[in-house]
N, C-alpha and C. Protein backbone atom coordinates (compact mmCIF):
# COMPACT_ATOMS: atom_id res chain seq x y z
N MET A 1 -29.16 -7.68 25.82
CA MET A 1 -28.38 -8.69 26.50
C MET A 1 -27.09 -8.06 27.01
N ALA A 2 -26.86 -8.13 28.27
CA ALA A 2 -25.68 -7.52 28.88
C ALA A 2 -24.52 -8.51 28.86
N LEU A 3 -23.33 -7.96 28.77
CA LEU A 3 -22.12 -8.77 28.80
C LEU A 3 -21.82 -9.18 30.23
N ASN A 4 -21.49 -10.44 30.41
CA ASN A 4 -21.07 -10.92 31.72
C ASN A 4 -19.55 -10.80 31.77
N ILE A 5 -19.05 -9.65 32.18
CA ILE A 5 -17.61 -9.43 32.16
C ILE A 5 -16.92 -10.05 33.35
N ARG A 6 -17.66 -10.74 34.21
CA ARG A 6 -17.03 -11.44 35.33
C ARG A 6 -16.40 -12.76 34.86
N SER A 7 -16.82 -13.24 33.73
CA SER A 7 -16.27 -14.47 33.17
C SER A 7 -14.83 -14.19 32.70
N ASN A 8 -13.91 -15.09 33.08
CA ASN A 8 -12.51 -14.93 32.67
C ASN A 8 -12.36 -15.00 31.16
N PHE A 9 -13.20 -15.80 30.52
CA PHE A 9 -13.15 -15.91 29.06
C PHE A 9 -13.48 -14.57 28.41
N VAL A 10 -14.53 -13.93 28.88
CA VAL A 10 -14.93 -12.64 28.31
C VAL A 10 -13.88 -11.57 28.62
N LYS A 11 -13.36 -11.58 29.85
CA LYS A 11 -12.31 -10.63 30.21
C LYS A 11 -11.09 -10.79 29.30
N GLY A 12 -10.71 -12.02 29.06
CA GLY A 12 -9.55 -12.28 28.20
C GLY A 12 -9.79 -11.78 26.78
N ARG A 13 -10.99 -12.01 26.26
CA ARG A 13 -11.32 -11.54 24.91
C ARG A 13 -11.34 -10.02 24.83
N LEU A 14 -11.88 -9.37 25.85
CA LEU A 14 -11.92 -7.91 25.85
C LEU A 14 -10.52 -7.31 25.95
N ILE A 15 -9.66 -7.92 26.76
CA ILE A 15 -8.29 -7.44 26.87
C ILE A 15 -7.56 -7.67 25.55
N GLY A 16 -7.79 -8.81 24.91
CA GLY A 16 -7.20 -9.08 23.59
C GLY A 16 -7.67 -8.08 22.56
N LEU A 17 -8.95 -7.72 22.60
CA LEU A 17 -9.50 -6.72 21.68
C LEU A 17 -8.86 -5.36 21.93
N PHE A 18 -8.67 -5.03 23.19
CA PHE A 18 -8.01 -3.77 23.55
C PHE A 18 -6.58 -3.73 23.00
N LEU A 19 -5.84 -4.83 23.18
CA LEU A 19 -4.46 -4.89 22.68
C LEU A 19 -4.42 -4.82 21.16
N LEU A 20 -5.38 -5.45 20.49
CA LEU A 20 -5.47 -5.35 19.03
C LEU A 20 -5.68 -3.89 18.62
N GLY A 21 -6.50 -3.18 19.37
CA GLY A 21 -6.71 -1.76 19.10
C GLY A 21 -5.45 -0.95 19.25
N VAL A 22 -4.66 -1.25 20.27
CA VAL A 22 -3.40 -0.54 20.47
C VAL A 22 -2.45 -0.82 19.31
N ILE A 23 -2.37 -2.08 18.88
CA ILE A 23 -1.50 -2.45 17.75
C ILE A 23 -1.95 -1.73 16.48
N CYS A 24 -3.25 -1.69 16.24
CA CYS A 24 -3.78 -1.00 15.05
C CYS A 24 -3.44 0.49 15.09
N LEU A 25 -3.55 1.11 16.26
CA LEU A 25 -3.21 2.53 16.38
C LEU A 25 -1.72 2.78 16.16
N VAL A 26 -0.88 1.91 16.66
CA VAL A 26 0.57 2.05 16.45
C VAL A 26 0.88 1.94 14.96
N PHE A 27 0.26 0.95 14.30
CA PHE A 27 0.47 0.78 12.86
C PHE A 27 -0.04 1.99 12.08
N ALA A 28 -1.20 2.53 12.47
CA ALA A 28 -1.75 3.72 11.80
C ALA A 28 -0.84 4.92 11.99
N ILE A 29 -0.29 5.08 13.17
CA ILE A 29 0.61 6.20 13.44
C ILE A 29 1.88 6.07 12.62
N GLU A 30 2.37 4.84 12.45
CA GLU A 30 3.56 4.62 11.62
C GLU A 30 3.27 5.01 10.16
N LEU A 31 2.09 4.61 9.67
CA LEU A 31 1.71 5.00 8.30
C LEU A 31 1.46 6.51 8.22
N LEU A 32 0.92 7.08 9.28
CA LEU A 32 0.66 8.51 9.32
C LEU A 32 1.96 9.31 9.24
N ASN A 33 3.03 8.72 9.74
CA ASN A 33 4.35 9.34 9.67
C ASN A 33 4.74 9.65 8.22
N THR A 34 4.38 8.75 7.29
CA THR A 34 4.66 8.99 5.87
C THR A 34 3.82 10.14 5.34
N ILE A 35 2.56 10.17 5.71
CA ILE A 35 1.66 11.22 5.22
C ILE A 35 2.09 12.59 5.74
N LEU A 36 2.57 12.65 6.96
CA LEU A 36 2.95 13.93 7.57
C LEU A 36 4.37 14.37 7.22
N THR A 37 5.07 13.61 6.40
CA THR A 37 6.42 13.98 6.00
C THR A 37 6.37 15.22 5.12
N SER A 38 7.18 16.20 5.47
CA SER A 38 7.22 17.43 4.67
C SER A 38 8.41 17.39 3.73
N ARG A 39 8.35 18.19 2.70
CA ARG A 39 9.45 18.26 1.74
C ARG A 39 10.72 18.79 2.41
N ALA A 40 10.57 19.60 3.44
CA ALA A 40 11.73 20.15 4.14
C ALA A 40 12.53 19.08 4.89
N SER A 41 11.89 17.95 5.21
CA SER A 41 12.59 16.90 5.92
C SER A 41 13.29 15.91 4.98
N LEU A 42 13.24 16.18 3.68
CA LEU A 42 13.84 15.29 2.69
C LEU A 42 15.18 15.84 2.21
N ILE A 43 16.00 14.93 1.72
CA ILE A 43 17.30 15.29 1.18
C ILE A 43 17.47 14.59 -0.17
N PRO A 44 18.01 15.30 -1.17
CA PRO A 44 18.22 14.64 -2.47
C PRO A 44 19.54 13.89 -2.50
N ILE A 45 19.52 12.71 -3.08
CA ILE A 45 20.73 11.93 -3.31
C ILE A 45 20.87 11.81 -4.82
N ARG A 46 21.92 12.39 -5.35
CA ARG A 46 22.11 12.44 -6.81
C ARG A 46 23.28 11.55 -7.20
N GLY A 47 23.08 10.77 -8.26
CA GLY A 47 24.14 9.91 -8.75
C GLY A 47 23.79 9.34 -10.11
N THR A 48 24.59 8.37 -10.54
CA THR A 48 24.34 7.68 -11.81
C THR A 48 23.90 6.25 -11.51
N LEU A 49 23.01 5.77 -12.32
CA LEU A 49 22.44 4.45 -12.12
C LEU A 49 23.50 3.38 -12.33
N GLU A 50 23.64 2.50 -11.36
CA GLU A 50 24.56 1.38 -11.49
C GLU A 50 23.84 0.15 -12.01
N ASN A 51 22.66 -0.13 -11.43
CA ASN A 51 21.95 -1.34 -11.74
C ASN A 51 20.49 -1.17 -11.34
N SER A 52 19.57 -1.76 -12.10
CA SER A 52 18.16 -1.77 -11.70
C SER A 52 17.51 -3.03 -12.23
N ASN A 53 16.64 -3.61 -11.42
CA ASN A 53 15.92 -4.82 -11.79
C ASN A 53 14.51 -4.76 -11.23
N ILE A 54 13.60 -5.41 -11.95
CA ILE A 54 12.23 -5.57 -11.47
C ILE A 54 12.02 -7.05 -11.19
N TYR A 55 11.55 -7.34 -9.99
CA TYR A 55 11.29 -8.72 -9.61
C TYR A 55 9.80 -8.87 -9.32
N ILE A 56 9.20 -9.90 -9.91
CA ILE A 56 7.81 -10.24 -9.63
C ILE A 56 7.83 -11.58 -8.91
N THR A 57 7.31 -11.61 -7.70
CA THR A 57 7.28 -12.85 -6.93
C THR A 57 5.86 -13.15 -6.49
N THR A 58 5.58 -14.43 -6.36
CA THR A 58 4.27 -14.87 -5.90
C THR A 58 4.27 -14.90 -4.38
N VAL A 59 3.25 -14.30 -3.80
CA VAL A 59 3.09 -14.25 -2.35
C VAL A 59 1.82 -15.01 -2.02
N SER A 60 1.91 -15.90 -1.05
CA SER A 60 0.71 -16.64 -0.65
C SER A 60 0.57 -16.61 0.86
N SER A 61 -0.66 -16.66 1.28
CA SER A 61 -0.95 -16.73 2.71
C SER A 61 -2.17 -17.62 2.90
N LYS A 62 -2.21 -18.30 4.03
CA LYS A 62 -3.34 -19.19 4.32
C LYS A 62 -4.18 -18.61 5.45
N THR A 63 -5.48 -18.73 5.29
CA THR A 63 -6.39 -18.30 6.34
C THR A 63 -6.53 -19.45 7.34
N LYS A 64 -7.22 -19.19 8.42
CA LYS A 64 -7.39 -20.24 9.43
C LYS A 64 -8.27 -21.38 8.91
N TYR A 65 -9.00 -21.15 7.82
CA TYR A 65 -9.82 -22.20 7.22
C TYR A 65 -9.08 -22.91 6.10
N ASN A 66 -7.76 -22.73 6.04
CA ASN A 66 -6.87 -23.37 5.07
C ASN A 66 -7.11 -22.91 3.63
N HIS A 67 -7.71 -21.75 3.46
CA HIS A 67 -7.87 -21.17 2.13
C HIS A 67 -6.59 -20.39 1.80
N GLU A 68 -6.04 -20.63 0.63
CA GLU A 68 -4.79 -19.98 0.26
C GLU A 68 -5.08 -18.79 -0.66
N ALA A 69 -4.61 -17.63 -0.25
CA ALA A 69 -4.75 -16.41 -1.06
C ALA A 69 -3.41 -16.16 -1.74
N ILE A 70 -3.43 -16.04 -3.07
CA ILE A 70 -2.21 -15.86 -3.84
C ILE A 70 -2.28 -14.53 -4.57
N SER A 71 -1.18 -13.77 -4.52
CA SER A 71 -1.07 -12.52 -5.26
C SER A 71 0.38 -12.33 -5.69
N GLN A 72 0.61 -11.31 -6.47
CA GLN A 72 1.95 -11.03 -6.98
C GLN A 72 2.50 -9.77 -6.31
N LYS A 73 3.79 -9.81 -6.01
CA LYS A 73 4.48 -8.66 -5.43
C LYS A 73 5.51 -8.19 -6.45
N SER A 74 5.50 -6.90 -6.72
CA SER A 74 6.44 -6.31 -7.67
C SER A 74 7.45 -5.46 -6.90
N GLU A 75 8.73 -5.65 -7.23
CA GLU A 75 9.80 -4.87 -6.59
C GLU A 75 10.69 -4.27 -7.67
N LEU A 76 10.89 -2.98 -7.59
CA LEU A 76 11.88 -2.30 -8.42
C LEU A 76 13.05 -1.97 -7.50
N ILE A 77 14.19 -2.58 -7.76
CA ILE A 77 15.37 -2.37 -6.92
C ILE A 77 16.46 -1.77 -7.80
N PHE A 78 17.06 -0.67 -7.30
CA PHE A 78 18.15 -0.06 -8.06
C PHE A 78 19.20 0.50 -7.12
N TYR A 79 20.38 0.71 -7.67
CA TYR A 79 21.54 1.20 -6.92
C TYR A 79 22.17 2.35 -7.70
N LEU A 80 22.75 3.28 -6.98
CA LEU A 80 23.52 4.36 -7.58
C LEU A 80 25.00 4.10 -7.35
N VAL A 81 25.82 4.45 -8.33
CA VAL A 81 27.25 4.18 -8.27
C VAL A 81 27.89 4.85 -7.05
N GLU A 82 27.49 6.06 -6.75
CA GLU A 82 28.15 6.87 -5.72
C GLU A 82 27.77 6.51 -4.28
N PHE A 83 26.72 5.70 -4.09
CA PHE A 83 26.23 5.42 -2.74
C PHE A 83 26.06 3.92 -2.53
N LYS A 84 26.32 3.48 -1.32
CA LYS A 84 26.10 2.07 -0.96
C LYS A 84 24.74 1.96 -0.27
N ILE A 85 23.71 2.25 -1.04
CA ILE A 85 22.34 2.24 -0.54
C ILE A 85 21.48 1.45 -1.53
N LYS A 86 20.60 0.63 -1.00
CA LYS A 86 19.65 -0.11 -1.82
C LYS A 86 18.36 0.71 -1.88
N PHE A 87 17.93 1.05 -3.08
CA PHE A 87 16.67 1.77 -3.26
C PHE A 87 15.65 0.77 -3.77
N ALA A 88 14.52 0.69 -3.11
CA ALA A 88 13.51 -0.30 -3.49
C ALA A 88 12.11 0.29 -3.41
N LEU A 89 11.33 -0.02 -4.42
CA LEU A 89 9.90 0.27 -4.43
C LEU A 89 9.20 -1.07 -4.46
N VAL A 90 8.24 -1.28 -3.58
CA VAL A 90 7.54 -2.56 -3.47
C VAL A 90 6.05 -2.31 -3.50
N GLU A 91 5.34 -3.14 -4.26
CA GLU A 91 3.89 -2.98 -4.37
C GLU A 91 3.26 -4.33 -4.66
N ASN A 92 2.11 -4.59 -4.03
CA ASN A 92 1.34 -5.78 -4.34
C ASN A 92 0.52 -5.46 -5.59
N ILE A 93 0.65 -6.29 -6.62
CA ILE A 93 -0.04 -6.02 -7.89
C ILE A 93 -1.17 -7.00 -8.16
N GLY A 94 -1.61 -7.69 -7.13
CA GLY A 94 -2.76 -8.59 -7.28
C GLY A 94 -2.45 -9.77 -8.16
N SER A 95 -3.26 -9.99 -9.18
CA SER A 95 -3.09 -11.15 -10.05
C SER A 95 -2.30 -10.83 -11.31
N ASP A 96 -1.84 -9.59 -11.46
CA ASP A 96 -1.04 -9.22 -12.63
C ASP A 96 0.36 -9.81 -12.53
N TYR A 97 0.98 -9.95 -13.68
CA TYR A 97 2.37 -10.43 -13.71
C TYR A 97 3.31 -9.36 -14.26
N ARG A 98 2.80 -8.15 -14.41
CA ARG A 98 3.60 -7.01 -14.86
C ARG A 98 3.18 -5.78 -14.06
N ASN A 99 4.14 -4.90 -13.83
CA ASN A 99 3.85 -3.63 -13.20
C ASN A 99 4.32 -2.54 -14.16
N LYS A 100 3.38 -2.02 -14.93
CA LYS A 100 3.72 -1.05 -15.98
C LYS A 100 4.35 0.21 -15.41
N GLU A 101 3.86 0.64 -14.24
CA GLU A 101 4.42 1.84 -13.61
C GLU A 101 5.91 1.66 -13.30
N TYR A 102 6.27 0.53 -12.71
CA TYR A 102 7.67 0.27 -12.39
C TYR A 102 8.51 0.09 -13.65
N GLU A 103 7.92 -0.51 -14.69
CA GLU A 103 8.65 -0.67 -15.95
C GLU A 103 8.97 0.69 -16.58
N GLU A 104 8.00 1.62 -16.51
CA GLU A 104 8.23 2.97 -17.03
C GLU A 104 9.32 3.69 -16.23
N ILE A 105 9.26 3.56 -14.91
CA ILE A 105 10.28 4.20 -14.06
C ILE A 105 11.65 3.61 -14.38
N GLN A 106 11.73 2.30 -14.51
CA GLN A 106 13.01 1.66 -14.81
C GLN A 106 13.55 2.10 -16.16
N THR A 107 12.71 2.21 -17.17
CA THR A 107 13.14 2.66 -18.50
C THR A 107 13.71 4.06 -18.43
N LYS A 108 13.04 4.95 -17.71
CA LYS A 108 13.53 6.32 -17.59
C LYS A 108 14.83 6.39 -16.79
N LEU A 109 14.95 5.54 -15.77
CA LEU A 109 16.19 5.52 -15.00
C LEU A 109 17.37 5.06 -15.86
N LYS A 110 17.15 4.04 -16.69
CA LYS A 110 18.23 3.52 -17.52
C LYS A 110 18.68 4.51 -18.58
N LYS A 111 17.76 5.34 -19.06
CA LYS A 111 18.10 6.33 -20.09
C LYS A 111 18.74 7.59 -19.50
N ALA A 112 18.59 7.81 -18.22
CA ALA A 112 19.02 9.06 -17.60
C ALA A 112 20.53 9.09 -17.36
N ASP A 113 21.10 10.30 -17.49
CA ASP A 113 22.50 10.50 -17.15
C ASP A 113 22.68 10.66 -15.64
N SER A 114 21.68 11.27 -14.98
CA SER A 114 21.74 11.41 -13.52
C SER A 114 20.37 11.08 -12.93
N VAL A 115 20.43 10.49 -11.74
CA VAL A 115 19.22 10.10 -11.02
C VAL A 115 19.26 10.76 -9.66
N THR A 116 18.13 11.36 -9.26
CA THR A 116 18.01 11.97 -7.94
C THR A 116 16.91 11.26 -7.18
N VAL A 117 17.25 10.77 -5.99
CA VAL A 117 16.29 10.09 -5.13
C VAL A 117 16.13 10.93 -3.87
N TRP A 118 14.89 11.24 -3.51
CA TRP A 118 14.61 12.02 -2.31
C TRP A 118 14.22 11.07 -1.18
N ILE A 119 14.97 11.16 -0.08
CA ILE A 119 14.70 10.35 1.11
C ILE A 119 14.70 11.26 2.34
N LYS A 120 14.29 10.73 3.48
CA LYS A 120 14.34 11.51 4.72
C LYS A 120 15.79 11.70 5.14
N LYS A 121 16.07 12.86 5.69
CA LYS A 121 17.42 13.13 6.21
C LYS A 121 17.78 12.14 7.29
N SER A 122 16.80 11.77 8.10
CA SER A 122 17.04 10.85 9.22
C SER A 122 17.35 9.43 8.76
N GLU A 123 17.05 9.11 7.49
CA GLU A 123 17.29 7.76 6.97
C GLU A 123 18.52 7.70 6.06
N MET A 124 19.32 8.74 6.08
CA MET A 124 20.49 8.81 5.21
C MET A 124 21.46 7.64 5.43
N GLU A 125 21.57 7.15 6.64
CA GLU A 125 22.50 6.07 6.96
C GLU A 125 21.85 4.68 6.83
N PHE A 126 20.58 4.61 6.47
CA PHE A 126 19.89 3.33 6.35
C PHE A 126 20.33 2.61 5.08
N TRP A 127 20.33 1.29 5.11
CA TRP A 127 20.65 0.49 3.93
C TRP A 127 19.54 0.60 2.89
N GLU A 128 18.28 0.64 3.34
CA GLU A 128 17.15 0.73 2.42
C GLU A 128 16.16 1.80 2.91
N PRO A 129 16.45 3.07 2.61
CA PRO A 129 15.55 4.13 3.06
C PRO A 129 14.26 4.18 2.24
N LYS A 130 13.23 4.79 2.81
CA LYS A 130 11.97 4.96 2.09
C LYS A 130 12.14 6.04 1.04
N ILE A 131 11.71 5.75 -0.17
CA ILE A 131 11.82 6.68 -1.30
C ILE A 131 10.57 7.55 -1.34
N PHE A 132 10.76 8.88 -1.43
CA PHE A 132 9.63 9.79 -1.53
C PHE A 132 9.48 10.41 -2.92
N GLN A 133 10.57 10.51 -3.64
CA GLN A 133 10.50 11.06 -5.00
C GLN A 133 11.72 10.59 -5.78
N ILE A 134 11.52 10.37 -7.08
CA ILE A 134 12.62 10.00 -7.97
C ILE A 134 12.59 10.92 -9.19
N GLU A 135 13.76 11.43 -9.54
CA GLU A 135 13.92 12.25 -10.73
C GLU A 135 14.97 11.61 -11.63
N ALA A 136 14.70 11.57 -12.92
CA ALA A 136 15.66 11.08 -13.90
C ALA A 136 15.94 12.23 -14.86
N ASP A 137 17.17 12.73 -14.85
CA ASP A 137 17.55 13.91 -15.65
C ASP A 137 16.58 15.08 -15.39
N HIS A 138 16.30 15.34 -14.13
CA HIS A 138 15.45 16.45 -13.67
C HIS A 138 13.99 16.30 -14.07
N GLU A 139 13.59 15.13 -14.55
CA GLU A 139 12.18 14.84 -14.83
C GLU A 139 11.67 13.95 -13.71
N ILE A 140 10.57 14.36 -13.09
CA ILE A 140 10.02 13.60 -11.98
C ILE A 140 9.35 12.33 -12.52
N VAL A 141 9.84 11.16 -12.06
CA VAL A 141 9.26 9.89 -12.50
C VAL A 141 8.44 9.22 -11.39
N LEU A 142 8.66 9.62 -10.16
CA LEU A 142 7.84 9.20 -9.03
C LEU A 142 7.61 10.43 -8.18
N GLU A 143 6.36 10.84 -8.08
CA GLU A 143 6.02 12.12 -7.46
C GLU A 143 5.84 12.02 -5.95
N PHE A 144 6.33 13.04 -5.26
CA PHE A 144 6.29 13.14 -3.80
C PHE A 144 4.86 12.99 -3.25
N GLN A 145 3.92 13.70 -3.83
CA GLN A 145 2.54 13.67 -3.32
C GLN A 145 1.91 12.29 -3.47
N ASN A 146 2.24 11.59 -4.55
CA ASN A 146 1.69 10.24 -4.76
C ASN A 146 2.19 9.27 -3.69
N VAL A 147 3.46 9.39 -3.33
CA VAL A 147 4.02 8.51 -2.31
C VAL A 147 3.42 8.83 -0.95
N ARG A 148 3.31 10.11 -0.64
CA ARG A 148 2.77 10.52 0.67
C ARG A 148 1.36 10.02 0.90
N PHE A 149 0.51 10.17 -0.10
CA PHE A 149 -0.92 9.89 0.11
C PHE A 149 -1.37 8.54 -0.42
N LYS A 150 -0.44 7.69 -0.80
CA LYS A 150 -0.79 6.39 -1.36
C LYS A 150 -1.54 5.53 -0.36
N GLU A 151 -1.20 5.59 0.90
CA GLU A 151 -1.78 4.70 1.90
C GLU A 151 -2.73 5.41 2.86
N ARG A 152 -3.31 6.52 2.45
CA ARG A 152 -4.18 7.25 3.38
C ARG A 152 -5.44 6.48 3.73
N SER A 153 -5.98 5.68 2.81
CA SER A 153 -7.17 4.90 3.16
C SER A 153 -6.83 3.83 4.20
N LEU A 154 -5.63 3.27 4.13
CA LEU A 154 -5.18 2.32 5.14
C LEU A 154 -5.05 2.99 6.51
N VAL A 155 -4.54 4.20 6.52
CA VAL A 155 -4.39 4.95 7.77
C VAL A 155 -5.76 5.16 8.42
N ILE A 156 -6.73 5.59 7.63
CA ILE A 156 -8.07 5.83 8.15
C ILE A 156 -8.67 4.52 8.67
N PHE A 157 -8.50 3.44 7.91
CA PHE A 157 -9.03 2.14 8.33
C PHE A 157 -8.44 1.71 9.67
N PHE A 158 -7.11 1.75 9.79
CA PHE A 158 -6.47 1.30 11.03
C PHE A 158 -6.75 2.24 12.19
N LEU A 159 -6.89 3.53 11.94
CA LEU A 159 -7.27 4.46 13.01
C LEU A 159 -8.66 4.13 13.55
N LEU A 160 -9.62 3.96 12.64
CA LEU A 160 -10.98 3.66 13.06
C LEU A 160 -11.07 2.30 13.75
N LEU A 161 -10.39 1.30 13.18
CA LEU A 161 -10.39 -0.03 13.79
C LEU A 161 -9.75 0.01 15.17
N GLY A 162 -8.63 0.70 15.29
CA GLY A 162 -7.94 0.80 16.58
C GLY A 162 -8.77 1.50 17.63
N ILE A 163 -9.38 2.61 17.25
CA ILE A 163 -10.22 3.35 18.21
C ILE A 163 -11.42 2.51 18.63
N GLY A 164 -12.05 1.84 17.67
CA GLY A 164 -13.19 0.98 18.00
C GLY A 164 -12.81 -0.17 18.90
N CYS A 165 -11.66 -0.79 18.63
CA CYS A 165 -11.21 -1.92 19.44
C CYS A 165 -10.79 -1.49 20.84
N ILE A 166 -10.47 -0.25 21.02
CA ILE A 166 -10.12 0.25 22.35
C ILE A 166 -11.37 0.70 23.10
N ILE A 167 -12.26 1.38 22.42
CA ILE A 167 -13.44 1.94 23.08
C ILE A 167 -14.40 0.85 23.56
N PHE A 168 -14.60 -0.21 22.77
CA PHE A 168 -15.55 -1.25 23.18
C PHE A 168 -15.17 -1.91 24.51
N PRO A 169 -13.92 -2.39 24.69
CA PRO A 169 -13.58 -2.96 26.01
C PRO A 169 -13.66 -1.95 27.15
N VAL A 170 -13.28 -0.70 26.87
CA VAL A 170 -13.38 0.32 27.92
C VAL A 170 -14.85 0.50 28.30
N TYR A 171 -15.74 0.51 27.31
CA TYR A 171 -17.17 0.62 27.57
C TYR A 171 -17.68 -0.59 28.36
N ALA A 172 -17.19 -1.79 28.02
CA ALA A 172 -17.65 -3.00 28.71
C ALA A 172 -17.19 -3.03 30.16
N PHE A 173 -15.96 -2.58 30.43
CA PHE A 173 -15.44 -2.59 31.80
C PHE A 173 -15.93 -1.39 32.63
N TYR A 174 -16.09 -0.25 31.98
CA TYR A 174 -16.45 0.98 32.70
C TYR A 174 -17.64 1.67 32.03
N PRO A 175 -18.81 1.07 32.05
CA PRO A 175 -19.96 1.68 31.37
C PRO A 175 -20.39 3.01 32.00
N ARG A 176 -20.05 3.23 33.26
CA ARG A 176 -20.44 4.48 33.93
C ARG A 176 -19.79 5.69 33.29
N LEU A 177 -18.59 5.51 32.73
CA LEU A 177 -17.92 6.63 32.05
C LEU A 177 -18.76 7.17 30.92
N PHE A 178 -19.46 6.29 30.23
CA PHE A 178 -20.26 6.70 29.08
C PHE A 178 -21.67 7.11 29.49
N LYS A 179 -22.19 6.50 30.55
CA LYS A 179 -23.55 6.82 30.98
C LYS A 179 -23.61 8.14 31.74
N SER A 180 -22.58 8.48 32.47
CA SER A 180 -22.62 9.72 33.24
C SER A 180 -22.66 10.94 32.31
N ASN A 181 -21.99 10.87 31.18
CA ASN A 181 -22.02 11.98 30.22
C ASN A 181 -23.39 12.15 29.62
N SER A 182 -24.09 11.04 29.35
CA SER A 182 -25.43 11.14 28.77
C SER A 182 -26.42 11.67 29.80
N ASN A 183 -26.23 11.35 31.09
CA ASN A 183 -27.10 11.87 32.14
C ASN A 183 -26.92 13.38 32.28
N LEU A 184 -25.70 13.86 32.14
CA LEU A 184 -25.45 15.30 32.22
C LEU A 184 -26.13 16.03 31.08
N ARG A 185 -26.14 15.43 29.89
CA ARG A 185 -26.78 16.08 28.75
C ARG A 185 -28.29 16.14 28.93
N LYS A 186 -28.88 15.10 29.55
CA LYS A 186 -30.33 15.07 29.77
C LYS A 186 -30.72 16.14 30.79
N ALA A 187 -29.87 16.36 31.79
CA ALA A 187 -30.19 17.32 32.84
C ALA A 187 -30.12 18.75 32.30
N ALA A 188 -29.32 18.98 31.28
CA ALA A 188 -29.16 20.34 30.75
C ALA A 188 -30.25 20.70 29.85
């Protein structure tokens, strides 16, 4: 069954699919930026812990069928005395009401005499920079490699979804681009 792309409805849907693909690719590239961050682009910020808290909040969203999905969001927020910067780690913890990883990090931060947070040099002036590594008294409590590669499956998903959403409308509007290459292969 061939697509009738002369219909304005179909054209609109294909253009919408193309734009969704572009948005997915932009989002994947933004996430890819974290994965491609090198240690050389980071700067350590060393200070003493002023305050730290863990907040667990309920997050809900409704689908178009009015089904409500509820999960918990965990935030570890802390400040250093020497800097006017908010440091935050945020993670969706599903149906749990505790985040043991963040509790362990907070305990080590509170016991430490000095805390070192590694952020990008380019984010030094940001109010809430992305954290890549945390050290408490020279002991690593949040590892650089874990932060970098935490979202790699999301990157792959959005890259594949974006490419697919772009290629399908291009194929529907310009099928000759794809058919001419297959004809060349048959002739060879």
